[in-house]
C-alpha atoms as a PDB file:
ATOM      1  CA  UNK A   1      -1.615 -18.728  -6.345  1.00  0.00           C
ATOM      2  CA  UNK A   2      -0.283 -21.776  -8.257  1.00  0.00           C
ATOM      3  CA  UNK A   3      -0.275 -19.510 -11.321  1.00  0.00           C
ATOM      4  CA  UNK A   4       2.741 -17.619 -10.039  1.00  0.00           C
ATOM      5  CA  UNK A   5       4.734 -20.751  -9.242  1.00  0.00           C
ATOM      6  CA  UNK A   6       4.087 -22.330 -12.651  1.00  0.00           C
ATOM      7  CA  UNK A   7       4.786 -19.164 -14.637  1.00  0.00           C
ATOM      8  CA  UNK A   8       7.827 -17.957 -12.697  1.00  0.00           C
ATOM      9  CA  UNK A   9       9.304 -21.186 -11.280  1.00  0.00           C
ATOM     10  CA  UNK A  10      12.990 -20.192 -11.386  1.00  0.00           C
ATOM     11  CA  UNK A  11      12.862 -16.498 -10.542  1.00  0.00           C
ATOM     12  CA  UNK A  12      13.529 -14.962  -7.176  1.00  0.00           C
ATOM     13  CA  UNK A  13      10.223 -13.679  -5.827  1.00  0.00           C
ATOM     14  CA  UNK A  14       9.909 -10.055  -4.785  1.00  0.00           C
ATOM     15  CA  UNK A  15       6.831  -8.509  -3.185  1.00  0.00           C
ATOM     16  CA  UNK A  16       6.242  -4.763  -3.658  1.00  0.00           C
ATOM     17  CA  UNK A  17       4.414  -2.883  -0.928  1.00  0.00           C
ATOM     18  CA  UNK A  18       3.030   0.633  -1.344  1.00  0.00           C
ATOM     19  CA  UNK A  19       0.652   0.744   1.647  1.00  0.00           C
ATOM     20  CA  UNK A  20       0.951  -0.978   5.003  1.00  0.00           C
ATOM     21  CA  UNK A  21       3.740  -3.228   3.702  1.00  0.00           C
ATOM     22  CA  UNK A  22       6.041  -0.209   3.724  1.00  0.00           C
ATOM     23  CA  UNK A  23       6.100  -0.269   7.522  1.00  0.00           C
ATOM     24  CA  UNK A  24       4.343  -3.431   8.744  1.00  0.00           C
ATOM     25  CA  UNK A  25       5.926  -6.666   7.558  1.00  0.00           C
ATOM     26  CA  UNK A  26       4.855  -9.943   9.163  1.00  0.00           C
ATOM     27  CA  UNK A  27       6.889 -12.363   7.060  1.00  0.00           C
ATOM     28  CA  UNK A  28      10.603 -13.177   6.730  1.00  0.00           C
ATOM     29  CA  UNK A  29      12.590 -11.710   3.857  1.00  0.00           C
ATOM     30  CA  UNK A  30      16.162 -11.773   2.536  1.00  0.00           C
ATOM     31  CA  UNK A  31      16.497  -8.096   1.721  1.00  0.00           C
ATOM     32  CA  UNK A  32      14.453  -4.907   1.589  1.00  0.00           C
ATOM     33  CA  UNK A  33      14.805  -2.344  -1.199  1.00  0.00           C
ATOM     34  CA  UNK A  34      13.123   1.058  -1.481  1.00  0.00           C
ATOM     35  CA  UNK A  35      12.113   2.139  -4.965  1.00  0.00           C
ATOM     36  CA  UNK A  36       9.218   2.834  -7.279  1.00  0.00           C
ATOM     37  CA  UNK A  37       7.054   1.443 -10.049  1.00  0.00           C
ATOM     38  CA  UNK A  38       5.857   3.494 -13.023  1.00  0.00           C
ATOM     39  CA  UNK A  39       2.571   4.214 -14.721  1.00  0.00           C
ATOM     40  CA  UNK A  40       0.314   4.196 -11.661  1.00  0.00           C
ATOM     41  CA  UNK A  41      -1.013   6.581  -9.011  1.00  0.00           C
ATOM     42  CA  UNK A  42      -1.612   5.678  -5.353  1.00  0.00           C
ATOM     43  CA  UNK A  43      -5.066   6.639  -4.149  1.00  0.00           C
ATOM     44  CA  UNK A  44      -7.104   6.167  -0.969  1.00  0.00           C
ATOM     45  CA  UNK A  45     -10.015   4.830  -2.985  1.00  0.00           C
ATOM     46  CA  UNK A  46     -10.417   1.267  -1.695  1.00  0.00           C
ATOM     47  CA  UNK A  47     -12.741   0.309   1.155  1.00  0.00           C
ATOM     48  CA  UNK A  48     -11.283  -1.534   4.133  1.00  0.00           C
ATOM     49  CA  UNK A  49     -13.888  -3.555   5.992  1.00  0.00           C
ATOM     50  CA  UNK A  50     -11.558  -6.054   7.642  1.00  0.00           C
ATOM     51  CA  UNK A  51      -8.480  -4.068   8.731  1.00  0.00           C
ATOM     52  CA  UNK A  52      -9.033  -0.298   9.023  1.00  0.00           C
ATOM     53  CA  UNK A  53     -12.817  -0.277   9.049  1.00  0.00           C
ATOM     54  CA  UNK A  54     -15.787  -2.585   9.426  1.00  0.00           C
ATOM     55  CA  UNK A  55     -18.772  -3.542   7.253  1.00  0.00           C
ATOM     56  CA  UNK A  56     -21.125  -0.584   7.097  1.00  0.00           C
ATOM     57  CA  UNK A  57     -18.358   1.808   8.228  1.00  0.00           C
ATOM     58  CA  UNK A  58     -15.434   1.148   5.908  1.00  0.00           C
ATOM     59  CA  UNK A  59     -12.091   2.824   6.179  1.00  0.00           C
ATOM     60  CA  UNK A  60     -10.072   3.977   3.191  1.00  0.00           C
ATOM     61  CA  UNK A  61      -6.818   2.302   2.164  1.00  0.00           C
ATOM     62  CA  UNK A  62      -4.618   2.761  -0.870  1.00  0.00           C
ATOM     63  CA  UNK A  63      -5.019   1.086  -4.218  1.00  0.00           C
ATOM     64  CA  UNK A  64      -3.261   1.684  -7.520  1.00  0.00           C
ATOM     65  CA  UNK A  65      -4.969   3.258 -10.514  1.00  0.00           C
ATOM     66  CA  UNK A  66      -3.427   3.629 -13.976  1.00  0.00           C
ATOM     67  CA  UNK A  67      -1.910   7.050 -14.565  1.00  0.00           C
ATOM     68  CA  UNK A  68      -2.188   9.036 -17.790  1.00  0.00           C
ATOM     69  CA  UNK A  69       1.541   9.660 -17.364  1.00  0.00           C
ATOM     70  CA  UNK A  70       3.596   6.521 -18.093  1.00  0.00           C
ATOM     71  CA  UNK A  71       6.449   8.032 -16.066  1.00  0.00           C
ATOM     72  CA  UNK A  72       4.328   8.612 -12.938  1.00  0.00           C
ATOM     73  CA  UNK A  73       5.961   7.022  -9.898  1.00  0.00           C
ATOM     74  CA  UNK A  74       4.573   5.182  -6.895  1.00  0.00           C
ATOM     75  CA  UNK A  75       7.202   4.734  -4.204  1.00  0.00           C
ATOM     76  CA  UNK A  76       7.277   1.745  -1.910  1.00  0.00           C
ATOM     77  CA  UNK A  77       9.364  -1.166  -0.701  1.00  0.00           C
ATOM     78  CA  UNK A  78      10.240  -4.483  -2.328  1.00  0.00           C
ATOM     79  CA  UNK A  79      11.021  -7.570  -0.271  1.00  0.00           C
ATOM     80  CA  UNK A  80      12.995 -10.534  -1.566  1.00  0.00           C
ATOM     81  CA  UNK A  81      11.241 -13.678  -0.385  1.00  0.00           C
ATOM     82  CA  UNK A  82      13.236 -16.765   0.724  1.00  0.00           C
ATOM     83  CA  UNK A  83      12.563 -19.395  -1.917  1.00  0.00           C
ATOM     84  CA  UNK A  84      11.859 -22.136   0.606  1.00  0.00           C
ATOM     85  CA  UNK A  85       9.156 -19.952   2.205  1.00  0.00           C
ATOM     86  CA  UNK A  86       7.422 -18.598  -0.908  1.00  0.00           C
ATOM     87  CA  UNK A  87       4.339 -20.778  -0.564  1.00  0.00           C
ATOM     88  CA  UNK A  88       3.757 -20.062   3.132  1.00  0.00           C
ATOM     89  CA  UNK A  89       4.350 -16.311   2.695  1.00  0.00           C
ATOM     90  CA  UNK A  90       1.980 -16.083  -0.270  1.00  0.00           C
ATOM     91  CA  UNK A  91      -0.624 -18.007   1.700  1.00  0.00           C
ATOM     92  CA  UNK A  92      -0.271 -15.460   4.511  1.00  0.00           C
ATOM     93  CA  UNK A  93      -0.429 -12.539   2.091  1.00  0.00           C
ATOM     94  CA  UNK A  94      -3.536 -13.979   0.458  1.00  0.00           C
ATOM     95  CA  UNK A  95      -5.258 -13.577   3.819  1.00  0.00           C
ATOM     96  CA  UNK A  96      -3.828 -10.133   4.538  1.00  0.00           C
ATOM     97  CA  UNK A  97      -4.424  -8.833   0.990  1.00  0.00           C
ATOM     98  CA  UNK A  98      -7.561 -10.864   0.258  1.00  0.00           C
ATOM     99  CA  UNK A  99      -9.404  -7.826  -1.101  1.00  0.00           C
ATOM    100  CA  UNK A 100      -6.672  -7.239  -3.688  1.00  0.00           C
ATOM    101  CA  UNK A 101      -7.417  -9.858  -6.316  1.00  0.00           C
ATOM    102  CA  UNK A 102      -5.842  -7.850  -9.156  1.00  0.00           C
ATOM    103  CA  UNK A 103      -2.115  -8.585  -9.194  1.00  0.00           C
ATOM    104  CA  UNK A 104       0.721  -8.010 -11.655  1.00  0.00           C
ATOM    105  CA  UNK A 105       4.446  -8.508 -12.001  1.00  0.00           C
ATOM    106  CA  UNK A 106       5.959  -5.079 -12.702  1.00  0.00           C
ATOM    107  CA  UNK A 107       9.384  -3.525 -13.112  1.00  0.00           C
ATOM    108  CA  UNK A 108      10.710  -1.722 -10.048  1.00  0.00           C
ATOM    109  CA  UNK A 109      13.297   1.034 -10.119  1.00  0.00           C
ATOM    110  CA  UNK A 110      15.842   1.994  -7.468  1.00  0.00           C
ATOM    111  CA  UNK A 111      16.083   5.654  -6.487  1.00  0.00           C
ATOM    112  CA  UNK A 112      19.050   5.970  -8.876  1.00  0.00           C
ATOM    113  CA  UNK A 113      16.835   4.848 -11.769  1.00  0.00           C
ATOM    114  CA  UNK A 114      18.328   1.376 -12.232  1.00  0.00           C
ATOM    115  CA  UNK A 115      15.889  -1.513 -12.415  1.00  0.00           C
ATOM    116  CA  UNK A 116      15.632  -4.410 -10.015  1.00  0.00           C
ATOM    117  CA  UNK A 117      16.802  -7.568 -11.789  1.00  0.00           C
ATOM    118  CA  UNK A 118      13.572  -9.425 -11.044  1.00  0.00           C
ATOM    119  CA  UNK A 119      10.064  -8.084 -11.503  1.00  0.00           C
ATOM    120  CA  UNK A 120       8.026  -7.480  -8.356  1.00  0.00           C
ATOM    121  CA  UNK A 121       4.611  -8.881  -7.503  1.00  0.00           C
ATOM    122  CA  UNK A 122       2.203  -6.002  -6.899  1.00  0.00           C
ATOM    123  CA  UNK A 123      -1.250  -6.276  -5.297  1.00  0.00           C
ATOM    124  CA  UNK A 124      -3.059  -3.654  -7.381  1.00  0.00           C
ATOM    125  CA  UNK A 125      -6.586  -3.619  -5.985  1.00  0.00           C
ATOM    126  CA  UNK A 126     -10.047  -4.999  -6.618  1.00  0.00           C
ATOM    127  CA  UNK A 127     -12.726  -5.003  -9.300  1.00  0.00           C
ATOM    128  CA  UNK A 128     -15.461  -5.552  -6.715  1.00  0.00           C
ATOM    129  CA  UNK A 129     -17.651  -2.411  -6.925  1.00  0.00           C
ATOM    130  CA  UNK A 130     -18.687  -2.825  -3.280  1.00  0.00           C
ATOM    131  CA  UNK A 131     -15.064  -2.290  -2.222  1.00  0.00           C
ATOM    132  CA  UNK A 132     -14.294   0.650  -4.505  1.00  0.00           C
ATOM    133  CA  UNK A 133     -15.095   3.916  -2.745  1.00  0.00           C
ATOM    134  CA  UNK A 134     -13.469   5.937  -5.501  1.00  0.00           C
ATOM    135  CA  UNK A 135     -12.682   9.607  -5.668  1.00  0.00           C
ATOM    136  CA  UNK A 136     -14.359  12.063  -3.309  1.00  0.00           C
ATOM    137  CA  UNK A 137     -13.741  15.613  -2.058  1.00  0.00           C
ATOM    138  CA  UNK A 138     -10.658  15.813   0.151  1.00  0.00           C
ATOM    139  CA  UNK A 139     -12.738  16.825   3.177  1.00  0.00           C
ATOM    140  CA  UNK A 140     -15.018  13.800   2.762  1.00  0.00           C
ATOM    141  CA  UNK A 141     -12.138  11.341   2.525  1.00  0.00           C
ATOM    142  CA  UNK A 142     -10.380  12.959   5.480  1.00  0.00           C
ATOM    143  CA  UNK A 143     -13.477  12.761   7.665  1.00  0.00           C
ATOM    144  CA  UNK A 144     -13.970   9.087   6.827  1.00  0.00           C
ATOM    145  CA  UNK A 145     -10.344   8.243   7.582  1.00  0.00           C
ATOM    146  CA  UNK A 146     -10.323  10.273  10.803  1.00  0.00           C
ATOM    147  CA  UNK A 147     -13.232   8.330  12.344  1.00  0.00           C
ATOM    148  CA  UNK A 148     -12.766   4.824  10.908  1.00  0.00           C
ATOM    149  CA  UNK A 149     -11.398   2.017  13.058  1.00  0.00           C
ATOM    150  CA  UNK A 150     -11.045  -1.696  12.319  1.00  0.00           C
ATOM    151  CA  UNK A 151      -9.440  -4.844  13.758  1.00  0.00           C
ATOM    152  CA  UNK A 152      -5.975  -3.615  12.693  1.00  0.00           C
ATOM    153  CA  UNK A 153      -6.435  -0.193  14.284  1.00  0.00           C
ATOM    154  CA  UNK A 154      -7.343   3.357  13.346  1.00  0.00           C
ATOM    155  CA  UNK A 155      -7.540   4.292   9.687  1.00  0.00           C
ATOM    156  CA  UNK A 156      -5.690   7.511  10.530  1.00  0.00           C
ATOM    157  CA  UNK A 157      -2.752   5.455  11.846  1.00  0.00           C
ATOM    158  CA  UNK A 158      -2.502   3.717   8.470  1.00  0.00           C
ATOM    159  CA  UNK A 159      -2.406   7.054   6.648  1.00  0.00           C
ATOM    160  CA  UNK A 160       0.110   8.672   8.991  1.00  0.00           C
ATOM    161  CA  UNK A 161       2.452   5.664   8.922  1.00  0.00           C
ATOM    162  CA  UNK A 162       2.490   5.741   5.132  1.00  0.00           C
ATOM    163  CA  UNK A 163       3.205   9.479   5.100  1.00  0.00           C
ATOM    164  CA  UNK A 164       5.999   8.980   7.649  1.00  0.00           C
ATOM    165  CA  UNK A 165       7.562   6.267   5.490  1.00  0.00           C
ATOM    166  CA  UNK A 166       7.607   8.636   2.526  1.00  0.00           C
ATOM    167  CA  UNK A 167       9.150  11.486   4.507  1.00  0.00           C
ATOM    168  CA  UNK A 168      11.840   9.343   6.147  1.00  0.00           C
ATOM    169  CA  UNK A 169      12.869   7.055   3.305  1.00  0.00           C
ATOM    170  CA  UNK A 170      12.106   8.978   0.117  1.00  0.00           C
ATOM    171  CA  UNK A 171      11.987  12.675   1.071  1.00  0.00           C
ATOM    172  CA  UNK A 172      12.623  13.604  -2.557  1.00  0.00           C
ATOM    173  CA  UNK A 173       9.412  11.922  -3.713  1.00  0.00           C
ATOM    174  CA  UNK A 174       6.165  13.725  -4.475  1.00  0.00           C
ATOM    175  CA  UNK A 175       2.751  12.382  -3.488  1.00  0.00           C
ATOM    176  CA  UNK A 176       0.334  15.304  -3.390  1.00  0.00           C
ATOM    177  CA  UNK A 177      -2.720  13.093  -2.771  1.00  0.00           C
ATOM    178  CA  UNK A 178      -1.117  11.469   0.276  1.00  0.00           C
ATOM    179  CA  UNK A 179       0.257  14.594   1.919  1.00  0.00           C
ATOM    180  CA  UNK A 180      -2.821  16.744   1.330  1.00  0.00           C
ATOM    181  CA  UNK A 181      -4.940  14.002   2.850  1.00  0.00           C
ATOM    182  CA  UNK A 182      -2.576  13.678   5.791  1.00  0.00           C
ATOM    183  CA  UNK A 183      -2.836  17.399   6.569  1.00  0.00           C
ATOM    184  CA  UNK A 184      -6.629  17.296   6.328  1.00  0.00           C
ATOM    185  CA  UNK A 185      -6.883  14.276   8.650  1.00  0.00           C
ATOM    186  CA  UNK A 186      -4.455  15.688  11.232  1.00  0.00           C
ATOM    187  CA  UNK A 187      -6.580  18.844  11.379  1.00  0.00           C
ATOM    188  CA  UNK A 188      -9.555  16.674  12.406  1.00  0.00           C
ATOM    189  CA  UNK A 189      -7.815  14.685  15.125  1.00  0.00           C
ATOM    190  CA  UNK A 190      -8.187  15.530  18.795  1.00  0.00           C
ATOM    191  CA  UNK A 191      -5.112  16.553  20.794  1.00  0.00           C
ATOM    192  CA  UNK A 192      -5.120  13.122  22.449  1.00  0.00           C
ATOM    193  CA  UNK A 193      -5.257  11.318  19.102  1.00  0.00           C
ATOM    194  CA  UNK A 194      -2.398  13.458  17.805  1.00  0.00           C
ATOM    195  CA  UNK A 195      -0.243  12.612  20.833  1.00  0.00           C
ATOM    196  CA  UNK A 196      -0.886   8.907  20.305  1.00  0.00           C
ATOM    197  CA  UNK A 197      -0.497   8.803  16.531  1.00  0.00           C
ATOM    198  CA  UNK A 198       2.102  11.478  15.829  1.00  0.00           C
ATOM    199  CA  UNK A 199       5.513  10.844  17.354  1.00  0.00           C
END
């Protein structure tokens, strides 16, 4: 990660989360801002074998894929990182996001359309073909998410927490892929699982 320090030595560092970082933050930050980046689509196409699944039975987590529409929006949360803790936080994120080796600094927009003054660091995904599950029928993805469990918990919990973030913090936003998948997964859960996961 020395690349980021040498290239952006004087800028405030912001981390943009569009998956579990929208609700599960395990590092200190100065401020939290909800907004979106453009030109990408969020998809449950990446395999999780260390958090929401295991080797041989991977879960599905979100990754970003380029959109044909340059105005397409992916909503999430940006965190301003304390400068004196940048190195330790990035070290921690390198462990948490170790499967996401593709990273970029992108412009983030507030809900009003204004841009954040600093660009945000985004963990885009992986080029490792073994970790790219890719597109599949909705029913197939839902079934995989409904039954997958890893060290960080149920894959369905990951999906439902992300959907809840979107509903609570950006109810005006559209994410057809996410909400269709949520409905399909909920339909597969047992009554007990629904009581535990849906509150």
